[in-house]
Structure formats: structure tokens, C-alpha cells
Amino acid sequence: KTVEALGLNKLHKTVEMPDNDAVRGMI
């Protein structure tokens, strides 16, 4: 669910997310 919430649904897919504490925690 965390990977899905980051917007990643396929292998080797790349997304750009803002560098904030919430995203860092998910990573």
C-alpha cells in the first residue's frame, strides 16, 4: 500500500515527489 501511495505501480516506474518528511517516511 505504501508503494502504491507513492504512485509506483509497475517495476522500474519512476515518479518525482516533493522532498518532505511525509515522503521521506514512506520511502
PDB file of all heavy atoms in Angstrom:
ATOM      1  N   LYS A   1       0.830  -1.212   0.000  1.00  0.00           N
ATOM      2  CA  LYS A   1       0.000   0.000   0.000  1.00  0.00           C
ATOM      3  C   LYS A   1       0.861   1.257   0.000  1.00  0.00           C
ATOM      4  O   LYS A   1       0.517   2.252  -0.627  1.00  0.00           O
ATOM      5  CB  LYS A   1      -0.935   0.009   1.222  1.00  0.00           C
ATOM      6  CG  LYS A   1      -1.995  -1.043   1.192  1.00  0.00           C
ATOM      7  CD  LYS A   1      -3.086  -0.676   0.213  1.00  0.00           C
ATOM      8  CE  LYS A   1      -4.255  -1.631   0.362  1.00  0.00           C
ATOM      9  NZ  LYS A   1      -5.304  -1.357  -0.603  1.00  0.00           N
ATOM     10  N   THR A   2       1.983   1.218   0.700  1.00  0.00           N
ATOM     11  CA  THR A   2       2.884   2.372   0.750  1.00  0.00           C
ATOM     12  C   THR A   2       3.474   2.645  -0.623  1.00  0.00           C
ATOM     13  O   THR A   2       3.527   3.787  -1.071  1.00  0.00           O
ATOM     14  CB  THR A   2       4.006   2.133   1.781  1.00  0.00           C
ATOM     15  OG1 THR A   2       3.412   1.876   3.044  1.00  0.00           O
ATOM     16  CG2 THR A   2       4.904   3.338   1.893  1.00  0.00           C
ATOM     17  N   VAL A   3       3.906   1.584  -1.318  1.00  0.00           N
ATOM     18  CA  VAL A   3       4.464   1.730  -2.663  1.00  0.00           C
ATOM     19  C   VAL A   3       3.398   2.297  -3.603  1.00  0.00           C
ATOM     20  O   VAL A   3       3.670   3.190  -4.399  1.00  0.00           O
ATOM     21  CB  VAL A   3       4.999   0.367  -3.189  1.00  0.00           C
ATOM     22  CG1 VAL A   3       5.296   0.430  -4.670  1.00  0.00           C
ATOM     23  CG2 VAL A   3       6.245  -0.027  -2.419  1.00  0.00           C
ATOM     24  N   GLU A   4       2.170   1.794  -3.477  1.00  0.00           N
ATOM     25  CA  GLU A   4       1.055   2.277  -4.297  1.00  0.00           C
ATOM     26  C   GLU A   4       0.772   3.754  -4.009  1.00  0.00           C
ATOM     27  O   GLU A   4       0.515   4.534  -4.923  1.00  0.00           O
ATOM     28  CB  GLU A   4      -0.172   1.427  -3.984  1.00  0.00           C
ATOM     29  CG  GLU A   4      -1.312   1.590  -4.950  1.00  0.00           C
ATOM     30  CD  GLU A   4      -2.482   0.684  -4.593  1.00  0.00           C
ATOM     31  OE1 GLU A   4      -2.266  -0.539  -4.494  1.00  0.00           O
ATOM     32  OE2 GLU A   4      -3.593   1.220  -4.404  1.00  0.00           O
ATOM     33  N   ALA A   5       0.848   4.145  -2.736  1.00  0.00           N
ATOM     34  CA  ALA A   5       0.606   5.535  -2.342  1.00  0.00           C
ATOM     35  C   ALA A   5       1.681   6.475  -2.885  1.00  0.00           C
ATOM     36  O   ALA A   5       1.424   7.658  -3.122  1.00  0.00           O
ATOM     37  CB  ALA A   5       0.533   5.640  -0.820  1.00  0.00           C
ATOM     38  N   LEU A   6       2.874   5.946  -3.111  1.00  0.00           N
ATOM     39  CA  LEU A   6       3.946   6.745  -3.714  1.00  0.00           C
ATOM     40  C   LEU A   6       3.732   6.913  -5.223  1.00  0.00           C
ATOM     41  O   LEU A   6       4.453   7.645  -5.877  1.00  0.00           O
ATOM     42  CB  LEU A   6       5.309   6.085  -3.462  1.00  0.00           C
ATOM     43  CG  LEU A   6       5.896   6.252  -2.065  1.00  0.00           C
ATOM     44  CD1 LEU A   6       7.073   5.314  -1.864  1.00  0.00           C
ATOM     45  CD2 LEU A   6       6.306   7.689  -1.806  1.00  0.00           C
ATOM     46  N   GLY A   7       2.746   6.206  -5.773  1.00  0.00           N
ATOM     47  CA  GLY A   7       2.453   6.328  -7.199  1.00  0.00           C
ATOM     48  C   GLY A   7       3.198   5.328  -8.051  1.00  0.00           C
ATOM     49  O   GLY A   7       3.287   5.480  -9.265  1.00  0.00           O
ATOM     50  N   LEU A   8       3.742   4.307  -7.420  1.00  0.00           N
ATOM     51  CA  LEU A   8       4.506   3.294  -8.152  1.00  0.00           C
ATOM     52  C   LEU A   8       3.647   2.045  -8.313  1.00  0.00           C
ATOM     53  O   LEU A   8       3.249   1.435  -7.333  1.00  0.00           O
ATOM     54  CB  LEU A   8       5.783   2.945  -7.393  1.00  0.00           C
ATOM     55  CG  LEU A   8       6.740   4.111  -7.172  1.00  0.00           C
ATOM     56  CD1 LEU A   8       7.796   3.736  -6.161  1.00  0.00           C
ATOM     57  CD2 LEU A   8       7.377   4.541  -8.464  1.00  0.00           C
ATOM     58  N   ASN A   9       3.343   1.681  -9.564  1.00  0.00           N
ATOM     59  CA  ASN A   9       2.512   0.509  -9.776  1.00  0.00           C
ATOM     60  C   ASN A   9       3.162  -0.537 -10.674  1.00  0.00           C
ATOM     61  O   ASN A   9       2.687  -1.647 -10.754  1.00  0.00           O
ATOM     62  CB  ASN A   9       1.144   0.908 -10.339  1.00  0.00           C
ATOM     63  CG  ASN A   9       1.266   1.804 -11.549  1.00  0.00           C
ATOM     64  OD1 ASN A   9       2.351   1.985 -12.080  1.00  0.00           O
ATOM     65  ND2 ASN A   9       0.162   2.370 -11.987  1.00  0.00           N
ATOM     66  N   LYS A  10       4.262  -0.195 -11.325  1.00  0.00           N
ATOM     67  CA  LYS A  10       4.972  -1.144 -12.176  1.00  0.00           C
ATOM     68  C   LYS A  10       6.459  -1.097 -11.839  1.00  0.00           C
ATOM     69  O   LYS A  10       6.976  -0.071 -11.405  1.00  0.00           O
ATOM     70  CB  LYS A  10       4.800  -0.795 -13.655  1.00  0.00           C
ATOM     71  CG  LYS A  10       3.423  -1.073 -14.202  1.00  0.00           C
ATOM     72  CD  LYS A  10       3.423  -0.828 -15.691  1.00  0.00           C
ATOM     73  CE  LYS A  10       2.091  -1.229 -16.287  1.00  0.00           C
ATOM     74  NZ  LYS A  10       2.071  -1.035 -17.734  1.00  0.00           N
ATOM     75  N   LEU A  11       7.123  -2.211 -12.093  1.00  0.00           N
ATOM     76  CA  LEU A  11       8.552  -2.297 -11.874  1.00  0.00           C
ATOM     77  C   LEU A  11       9.281  -1.294 -12.769  1.00  0.00           C
ATOM     78  O   LEU A  11       8.899  -1.117 -13.926  1.00  0.00           O
ATOM     79  CB  LEU A  11       9.025  -3.719 -12.191  1.00  0.00           C
ATOM     80  CG  LEU A  11      10.110  -4.325 -11.327  1.00  0.00           C
ATOM     81  CD1 LEU A  11       9.793  -4.178  -9.854  1.00  0.00           C
ATOM     82  CD2 LEU A  11      10.302  -5.772 -11.675  1.00  0.00           C
ATOM     83  N   HIS A  12      10.289  -0.648 -12.247  1.00  0.00           N
ATOM     84  CA  HIS A  12      11.125   0.332 -12.948  1.00  0.00           C
ATOM     85  C   HIS A  12      10.375   1.611 -13.317  1.00  0.00           C
ATOM     86  O   HIS A  12      10.868   2.404 -14.111  1.00  0.00           O
ATOM     87  CB  HIS A  12      11.788  -0.280 -14.194  1.00  0.00           C
ATOM     88  CG  HIS A  12      12.587  -1.507 -13.869  1.00  0.00           C
ATOM     89  ND1 HIS A  12      13.710  -1.467 -13.078  1.00  0.00           N
ATOM     90  CD2 HIS A  12      12.386  -2.798 -14.193  1.00  0.00           C
ATOM     91  CE1 HIS A  12      14.182  -2.698 -12.945  1.00  0.00           C
ATOM     92  NE2 HIS A  12      13.396  -3.533 -13.605  1.00  0.00           N
ATOM     93  N   LYS A  13       9.198   1.833 -12.750  1.00  0.00           N
ATOM     94  CA  LYS A  13       8.489   3.092 -12.958  1.00  0.00           C
ATOM     95  C   LYS A  13       9.122   4.123 -12.018  1.00  0.00           C
ATOM     96  O   LYS A  13       9.487   3.804 -10.888  1.00  0.00           O
ATOM     97  CB  LYS A  13       7.001   2.933 -12.635  1.00  0.00           C
ATOM     98  CG  LYS A  13       6.207   4.211 -12.813  1.00  0.00           C
ATOM     99  CD  LYS A  13       4.722   3.945 -12.689  1.00  0.00           C
ATOM    100  CE  LYS A  13       3.954   5.219 -12.463  1.00  0.00           C
ATOM    101  NZ  LYS A  13       3.653   5.980 -13.622  1.00  0.00           N
ATOM    102  N   THR A  14       9.252   5.345 -12.509  1.00  0.00           N
ATOM    103  CA  THR A  14       9.867   6.417 -11.731  1.00  0.00           C
ATOM    104  C   THR A  14       8.867   7.554 -11.548  1.00  0.00           C
ATOM    105  O   THR A  14       8.165   7.919 -12.486  1.00  0.00           O
ATOM    106  CB  THR A  14      11.126   6.943 -12.454  1.00  0.00           C
ATOM    107  OG1 THR A  14      12.029   5.854 -12.640  1.00  0.00           O
ATOM    108  CG2 THR A  14      11.813   8.019 -11.638  1.00  0.00           C
ATOM    109  N   VAL A  15       8.806   8.083 -10.346  1.00  0.00           N
ATOM    110  CA  VAL A  15       7.958   9.236 -10.053  1.00  0.00           C
ATOM    111  C   VAL A  15       8.801  10.298  -9.353  1.00  0.00           C
ATOM    112  O   VAL A  15       9.799   9.982  -8.706  1.00  0.00           O
ATOM    113  CB  VAL A  15       6.742   8.880  -9.159  1.00  0.00           C
ATOM    114  CG1 VAL A  15       5.781   7.965  -9.884  1.00  0.00           C
ATOM    115  CG2 VAL A  15       7.168   8.266  -7.853  1.00  0.00           C
ATOM    116  N   GLU A  16       8.396  11.554  -9.493  1.00  0.00           N
ATOM    117  CA  GLU A  16       9.044  12.646  -8.766  1.00  0.00           C
ATOM    118  C   GLU A  16       8.097  13.120  -7.684  1.00  0.00           C
ATOM    119  O   GLU A  16       6.941  13.433  -7.959  1.00  0.00           O
ATOM    120  CB  GLU A  16       9.377  13.799  -9.724  1.00  0.00           C
ATOM    121  CG  GLU A  16      10.627  13.551 -10.518  1.00  0.00           C
ATOM    122  CD  GLU A  16      11.168  14.808 -11.186  1.00  0.00           C
ATOM    123  OE1 GLU A  16      10.697  15.912 -10.863  1.00  0.00           O
ATOM    124  OE2 GLU A  16      12.058  14.662 -12.027  1.00  0.00           O
ATOM    125  N   MET A  17       8.581  13.136  -6.463  1.00  0.00           N
ATOM    126  CA  MET A  17       7.780  13.555  -5.318  1.00  0.00           C
ATOM    127  C   MET A  17       8.508  14.692  -4.607  1.00  0.00           C
ATOM    128  O   MET A  17       9.732  14.784  -4.686  1.00  0.00           O
ATOM    129  CB  MET A  17       7.591  12.392  -4.343  1.00  0.00           C
ATOM    130  CG  MET A  17       6.900  11.177  -4.913  1.00  0.00           C
ATOM    131  SD  MET A  17       5.149  11.407  -5.164  1.00  0.00           S
ATOM    132  CE  MET A  17       4.542  11.165  -3.513  1.00  0.00           C
ATOM    133  N   PRO A  18       7.757  15.550  -3.913  1.00  0.00           N
ATOM    134  CA  PRO A  18       8.415  16.618  -3.155  1.00  0.00           C
ATOM    135  C   PRO A  18       9.240  16.023  -2.016  1.00  0.00           C
ATOM    136  O   PRO A  18       8.888  14.974  -1.476  1.00  0.00           O
ATOM    137  CB  PRO A  18       7.243  17.443  -2.609  1.00  0.00           C
ATOM    138  CG  PRO A  18       6.067  16.540  -2.676  1.00  0.00           C
ATOM    139  CD  PRO A  18       6.306  15.596  -3.804  1.00  0.00           C
ATOM    140  N   ASP A  19      10.335  16.686  -1.694  1.00  0.00           N
ATOM    141  CA  ASP A  19      11.212  16.223  -0.624  1.00  0.00           C
ATOM    142  C   ASP A  19      10.700  16.774   0.701  1.00  0.00           C
ATOM    143  O   ASP A  19      11.056  17.871   1.116  1.00  0.00           O
ATOM    144  CB  ASP A  19      12.649  16.696  -0.890  1.00  0.00           C
ATOM    145  CG  ASP A  19      13.637  16.138   0.110  1.00  0.00           C
ATOM    146  OD1 ASP A  19      13.223  15.368   0.993  1.00  0.00           O
ATOM    147  OD2 ASP A  19      14.827  16.460  -0.002  1.00  0.00           O
ATOM    148  N   ASN A  20       9.808  16.028   1.360  1.00  0.00           N
ATOM    149  CA  ASN A  20       9.306  16.444   2.666  1.00  0.00           C
ATOM    150  C   ASN A  20       9.319  15.252   3.624  1.00  0.00           C
ATOM    151  O   ASN A  20       9.618  14.125   3.233  1.00  0.00           O
ATOM    152  CB  ASN A  20       7.910  17.064   2.554  1.00  0.00           C
ATOM    153  CG  ASN A  20       6.896  16.124   1.944  1.00  0.00           C
ATOM    154  OD1 ASN A  20       6.954  14.912   2.153  1.00  0.00           O
ATOM    155  ND2 ASN A  20       5.967  16.658   1.175  1.00  0.00           N
ATOM    156  N   ASP A  21       8.992  15.503   4.875  1.00  0.00           N
ATOM    157  CA  ASP A  21       9.079  14.460   5.899  1.00  0.00           C
ATOM    158  C   ASP A  21       8.133  13.297   5.637  1.00  0.00           C
ATOM    159  O   ASP A  21       8.471  12.148   5.892  1.00  0.00           O
ATOM    160  CB  ASP A  21       8.798  15.051   7.283  1.00  0.00           C
ATOM    161  CG  ASP A  21       9.907  15.973   7.746  1.00  0.00           C
ATOM    162  OD1 ASP A  21      11.022  15.870   7.195  1.00  0.00           O
ATOM    163  OD2 ASP A  21       9.670  16.795   8.642  1.00  0.00           O
ATOM    164  N   ALA A  22       6.938  13.579   5.118  1.00  0.00           N
ATOM    165  CA  ALA A  22       5.955  12.524   4.859  1.00  0.00           C
ATOM    166  C   ALA A  22       6.478  11.555   3.802  1.00  0.00           C
ATOM    167  O   ALA A  22       6.426  10.330   3.987  1.00  0.00           O
ATOM    168  CB  ALA A  22       4.632  13.131   4.422  1.00  0.00           C
ATOM    169  N   VAL A  23       6.991  12.088   2.713  1.00  0.00           N
ATOM    170  CA  VAL A  23       7.514  11.250   1.632  1.00  0.00           C
ATOM    171  C   VAL A  23       8.759  10.508   2.102  1.00  0.00           C
ATOM    172  O   VAL A  23       8.928   9.318   1.824  1.00  0.00           O
ATOM    173  CB  VAL A  23       7.801  12.095   0.370  1.00  0.00           C
ATOM    174  CG1 VAL A  23       8.488  11.266  -0.693  1.00  0.00           C
ATOM    175  CG2 VAL A  23       6.511  12.688  -0.175  1.00  0.00           C
ATOM    176  N   ARG A  24       9.619  11.187   2.848  1.00  0.00           N
ATOM    177  CA  ARG A  24      10.830  10.538   3.373  1.00  0.00           C
ATOM    178  C   ARG A  24      10.465   9.357   4.283  1.00  0.00           C
ATOM    179  O   ARG A  24      11.115   8.316   4.252  1.00  0.00           O
ATOM    180  CB  ARG A  24      11.676  11.532   4.170  1.00  0.00           C
ATOM    181  CG  ARG A  24      12.353  12.571   3.318  1.00  0.00           C
ATOM    182  CD  ARG A  24      13.726  12.130   2.950  1.00  0.00           C
ATOM    183  NE  ARG A  24      14.402  13.155   2.147  1.00  0.00           N
ATOM    184  CZ  ARG A  24      15.620  13.009   1.705  1.00  0.00           C
ATOM    185  NH1 ARG A  24      16.305  11.914   1.963  1.00  0.00           N
ATOM    186  NH2 ARG A  24      16.171  13.942   0.981  1.00  0.00           N
ATOM    187  N   GLY A  25       9.422   9.513   5.083  1.00  0.00           N
ATOM    188  CA  GLY A  25       8.973   8.439   5.961  1.00  0.00           C
ATOM    189  C   GLY A  25       8.457   7.246   5.181  1.00  0.00           C
ATOM    190  O   GLY A  25       8.727   6.096   5.525  1.00  0.00           O
ATOM    191  N   MET A  26       7.708   7.521   4.106  1.00  0.00           N
ATOM    192  CA  MET A  26       7.188   6.445   3.257  1.00  0.00           C
ATOM    193  C   MET A  26       8.335   5.693   2.591  1.00  0.00           C
ATOM    194  O   MET A  26       8.332   4.455   2.530  1.00  0.00           O
ATOM    195  CB  MET A  26       6.237   7.017   2.205  1.00  0.00           C
ATOM    196  CG  MET A  26       4.953   7.545   2.772  1.00  0.00           C
ATOM    197  SD  MET A  26       4.030   8.520   1.599  1.00  0.00           S
ATOM    198  CE  MET A  26       3.278   7.252   0.610  1.00  0.00           C
ATOM    199  N   ILE A  27       9.331   6.438   2.123  1.00  0.00           N
ATOM    200  CA  ILE A  27      10.498   5.828   1.479  1.00  0.00           C
ATOM    201  C   ILE A  27      11.243   4.954   2.484  1.00  0.00           C
ATOM    202  O   ILE A  27      11.689   3.857   2.160  1.00  0.00           O
ATOM    203  CB  ILE A  27      11.427   6.909   0.895  1.00  0.00           C
ATOM    204  CG1 ILE A  27      10.760   7.587  -0.298  1.00  0.00           C
ATOM    205  CG2 ILE A  27      12.769   6.312   0.489  1.00  0.00           C
ATOM    206  CD1 ILE A  27      11.460   8.835  -0.759  1.00  0.00           C
TER     207      ILE A  27
END
